Structures are given as C-alpha cells and as structure tokens.
Amino acid sequence: MIQFNLNGEYIELYKLLKATGLSETGGQAGQLIGQGLVKVDGDIERRKGRKIHRGQKVEFRGEVIDIR
C-alpha cells in the first residue's frame, strides 16, 4: 500500500498516478485511466480529472494508494 499525503483539498486522478510514480507522465496516466485500468473506491474510473480526496483509495496494477 502506498500512502499519499494530500497537501490541498483534492488531487486529480492522473496527477496522483504521476506523483506516486505509477505512471511516467500525465499523458500516459490519462490513457491508462481511459482504458479502465484504475479503480477509485472499488469502482472503475475513466475520468482522468476525477477529484480524489482524503479517505479515498485508488487501485492500479495491484497497488493501492491510500489518500491521507
């Protein structure tokens, strides 16, 4: 599990994948999200700009990101 400390109110999903190193670029992250490879709170998410807040969990390629 990756613990990510949020510095603001939210972070966009594609930026989170890049910030945690699970994607090399924001463009790549957007493509992966669009392909349905990312889950937010257990549901597939296809919107790269989805706002992620504290307490949510993001899953990608067997990794879980816990937003704090």
N, C-alpha and C. Protein backbone atom coordinates (compact mmCIF):
# COMPACT_ATOMS: atom_id res chain seq x y z
N MET A 1 0.84 -1.18 0.00
CA MET A 1 0.00 0.00 0.00
C MET A 1 0.89 1.24 0.00
N ILE A 2 0.49 2.19 -0.83
CA ILE A 2 1.19 3.47 -0.91
C ILE A 2 0.35 4.49 -0.14
N GLN A 3 0.97 5.21 0.77
CA GLN A 3 0.26 6.27 1.50
C GLN A 3 0.65 7.60 0.89
N PHE A 4 -0.36 8.35 0.46
CA PHE A 4 -0.13 9.64 -0.19
C PHE A 4 -0.73 10.74 0.67
N ASN A 5 0.12 11.67 1.10
CA ASN A 5 -0.34 12.79 1.92
C ASN A 5 -0.76 13.94 1.02
N LEU A 6 -2.02 14.26 1.05
CA LEU A 6 -2.60 15.30 0.21
C LEU A 6 -2.32 16.67 0.83
N ASN A 7 -1.81 17.60 0.02
CA ASN A 7 -1.47 18.93 0.52
C ASN A 7 -2.58 19.95 0.32
N GLY A 8 -3.57 19.63 -0.46
CA GLY A 8 -4.68 20.55 -0.72
C GLY A 8 -6.00 19.85 -0.46
N GLU A 9 -7.05 20.38 -1.04
CA GLU A 9 -8.38 19.80 -0.87
C GLU A 9 -8.54 18.50 -1.66
N TYR A 10 -7.90 18.47 -2.85
CA TYR A 10 -8.00 17.29 -3.72
C TYR A 10 -6.82 17.25 -4.68
N ILE A 11 -6.67 16.11 -5.38
CA ILE A 11 -5.71 15.97 -6.47
C ILE A 11 -6.44 15.24 -7.58
N GLU A 12 -6.16 15.64 -8.81
CA GLU A 12 -6.79 14.96 -9.94
C GLU A 12 -6.14 13.60 -10.11
N LEU A 13 -6.94 12.63 -10.55
CA LEU A 13 -6.51 11.24 -10.62
C LEU A 13 -5.24 11.05 -11.44
N TYR A 14 -5.17 11.66 -12.62
CA TYR A 14 -3.98 11.46 -13.45
C TYR A 14 -2.73 12.04 -12.79
N LYS A 15 -2.89 13.14 -12.06
CA LYS A 15 -1.76 13.74 -11.35
C LYS A 15 -1.31 12.85 -10.19
N LEU A 16 -2.25 12.16 -9.56
CA LEU A 16 -1.92 11.24 -8.47
C LEU A 16 -1.07 10.08 -8.97
N LEU A 17 -1.45 9.50 -10.11
CA LEU A 17 -0.67 8.39 -10.65
C LEU A 17 0.75 8.83 -10.98
N LYS A 18 0.89 10.02 -11.51
CA LYS A 18 2.22 10.54 -11.81
C LYS A 18 3.00 10.83 -10.53
N ALA A 19 2.35 11.46 -9.55
CA ALA A 19 3.02 11.83 -8.30
C ALA A 19 3.50 10.62 -7.51
N THR A 20 2.80 9.50 -7.62
CA THR A 20 3.18 8.30 -6.88
C THR A 20 4.15 7.42 -7.67
N GLY A 21 4.46 7.82 -8.91
CA GLY A 21 5.40 7.06 -9.71
C GLY A 21 4.79 5.86 -10.41
N LEU A 22 3.48 5.72 -10.35
CA LEU A 22 2.83 4.58 -11.02
C LEU A 22 2.66 4.83 -12.52
N SER A 23 2.88 6.07 -12.94
CA SER A 23 2.84 6.44 -14.34
C SER A 23 4.00 7.41 -14.58
N GLU A 24 4.65 7.29 -15.73
CA GLU A 24 5.79 8.16 -16.01
C GLU A 24 5.37 9.58 -16.36
N THR A 25 4.24 9.72 -17.05
CA THR A 25 3.78 11.04 -17.46
C THR A 25 2.28 11.18 -17.21
N GLY A 26 1.81 12.41 -17.21
CA GLY A 26 0.38 12.64 -17.07
C GLY A 26 -0.39 12.12 -18.27
N GLY A 27 0.20 12.22 -19.46
CA GLY A 27 -0.45 11.70 -20.66
C GLY A 27 -0.63 10.19 -20.60
N GLN A 28 0.40 9.51 -20.15
CA GLN A 28 0.32 8.06 -20.00
C GLN A 28 -0.74 7.69 -18.96
N ALA A 29 -0.78 8.43 -17.88
CA ALA A 29 -1.77 8.19 -16.83
C ALA A 29 -3.18 8.34 -17.39
N GLY A 30 -3.40 9.39 -18.19
CA GLY A 30 -4.71 9.61 -18.80
C GLY A 30 -5.14 8.46 -19.68
N GLN A 31 -4.20 7.90 -20.44
CA GLN A 31 -4.50 6.76 -21.31
C GLN A 31 -4.87 5.53 -20.48
N LEU A 32 -4.12 5.27 -19.42
CA LEU A 32 -4.38 4.11 -18.57
C LEU A 32 -5.74 4.23 -17.90
N ILE A 33 -6.07 5.44 -17.46
CA ILE A 33 -7.37 5.67 -16.83
C ILE A 33 -8.48 5.45 -17.85
N GLY A 34 -8.31 5.99 -19.06
CA GLY A 34 -9.29 5.85 -20.12
C GLY A 34 -9.53 4.41 -20.53
N GLN A 35 -8.54 3.56 -20.34
CA GLN A 35 -8.67 2.14 -20.67
C GLN A 35 -9.38 1.36 -19.57
N GLY A 36 -9.75 2.02 -18.49
CA GLY A 36 -10.47 1.35 -17.41
C GLY A 36 -9.58 0.54 -16.49
N LEU A 37 -8.31 0.90 -16.38
CA LEU A 37 -7.36 0.13 -15.58
C LEU A 37 -7.22 0.65 -14.14
N VAL A 38 -7.95 1.70 -13.81
CA VAL A 38 -7.83 2.31 -12.49
C VAL A 38 -9.17 2.27 -11.77
N LYS A 39 -9.13 1.94 -10.48
CA LYS A 39 -10.36 1.93 -9.67
C LYS A 39 -10.24 2.98 -8.56
N VAL A 40 -11.36 3.63 -8.28
CA VAL A 40 -11.45 4.57 -7.16
C VAL A 40 -12.53 4.03 -6.24
N ASP A 41 -12.16 3.75 -5.00
CA ASP A 41 -13.09 3.18 -4.02
C ASP A 41 -13.80 1.94 -4.55
N GLY A 42 -13.05 1.11 -5.30
CA GLY A 42 -13.57 -0.16 -5.78
C GLY A 42 -14.30 -0.12 -7.12
N ASP A 43 -14.52 1.06 -7.67
CA ASP A 43 -15.23 1.19 -8.95
C ASP A 43 -14.28 1.68 -10.04
N ILE A 44 -14.42 1.12 -11.24
CA ILE A 44 -13.60 1.57 -12.37
C ILE A 44 -13.88 3.03 -12.65
N GLU A 45 -12.81 3.78 -12.82
CA GLU A 45 -12.93 5.22 -13.10
C GLU A 45 -12.25 5.53 -14.43
N ARG A 46 -12.96 6.19 -15.33
CA ARG A 46 -12.42 6.51 -16.65
C ARG A 46 -12.19 8.01 -16.86
N ARG A 47 -12.45 8.81 -15.85
CA ARG A 47 -12.25 10.27 -15.96
C ARG A 47 -10.89 10.64 -15.38
N LYS A 48 -9.98 11.12 -16.21
CA LYS A 48 -8.63 11.44 -15.72
C LYS A 48 -8.64 12.60 -14.74
N GLY A 49 -9.61 13.49 -14.86
CA GLY A 49 -9.68 14.65 -13.99
C GLY A 49 -10.48 14.44 -12.72
N ARG A 50 -10.86 13.20 -12.43
CA ARG A 50 -11.62 12.90 -11.22
C ARG A 50 -10.89 13.45 -10.00
N LYS A 51 -11.61 14.17 -9.17
CA LYS A 51 -11.02 14.75 -7.96
C LYS A 51 -10.94 13.69 -6.87
N ILE A 52 -9.75 13.47 -6.36
CA ILE A 52 -9.51 12.47 -5.32
C ILE A 52 -9.28 13.22 -4.00
N HIS A 53 -10.02 12.82 -2.97
CA HIS A 53 -9.98 13.48 -1.67
C HIS A 53 -9.43 12.54 -0.60
N ARG A 54 -9.12 13.11 0.56
CA ARG A 54 -8.65 12.31 1.70
C ARG A 54 -9.68 11.20 2.01
N GLY A 55 -9.16 10.05 2.39
CA GLY A 55 -10.02 8.94 2.77
C GLY A 55 -10.36 8.01 1.62
N GLN A 56 -10.06 8.41 0.39
CA GLN A 56 -10.35 7.55 -0.75
C GLN A 56 -9.20 6.60 -1.01
N LYS A 57 -9.50 5.53 -1.73
CA LYS A 57 -8.49 4.56 -2.10
C LYS A 57 -8.51 4.39 -3.62
N VAL A 58 -7.32 4.40 -4.21
CA VAL A 58 -7.16 4.24 -5.65
C VAL A 58 -6.38 2.96 -5.89
N GLU A 59 -6.85 2.13 -6.82
CA GLU A 59 -6.18 0.86 -7.13
C GLU A 59 -5.69 0.89 -8.57
N PHE A 60 -4.45 0.43 -8.76
CA PHE A 60 -3.87 0.37 -10.10
C PHE A 60 -2.76 -0.66 -10.12
N ARG A 61 -2.84 -1.62 -11.03
CA ARG A 61 -1.82 -2.66 -11.21
C ARG A 61 -1.40 -3.32 -9.90
N GLY A 62 -2.37 -3.68 -9.09
CA GLY A 62 -2.09 -4.39 -7.84
C GLY A 62 -1.65 -3.50 -6.68
N GLU A 63 -1.50 -2.22 -6.93
CA GLU A 63 -1.13 -1.28 -5.87
C GLU A 63 -2.36 -0.55 -5.39
N VAL A 64 -2.39 -0.26 -4.10
CA VAL A 64 -3.48 0.53 -3.51
C VAL A 64 -2.87 1.81 -2.95
N ILE A 65 -3.44 2.94 -3.34
CA ILE A 65 -2.99 4.24 -2.84
C ILE A 65 -4.01 4.72 -1.83
N ASP A 66 -3.55 4.94 -0.62
CA ASP A 66 -4.39 5.43 0.47
C ASP A 66 -4.17 6.94 0.57
N ILE A 67 -5.22 7.72 0.37
CA ILE A 67 -5.09 9.18 0.38
C ILE A 67 -5.30 9.69 1.79
N ARG A 68 -4.32 10.44 2.31
CA ARG A 68 -4.39 10.98 3.67
C ARG A 68 -4.33 12.48 3.67
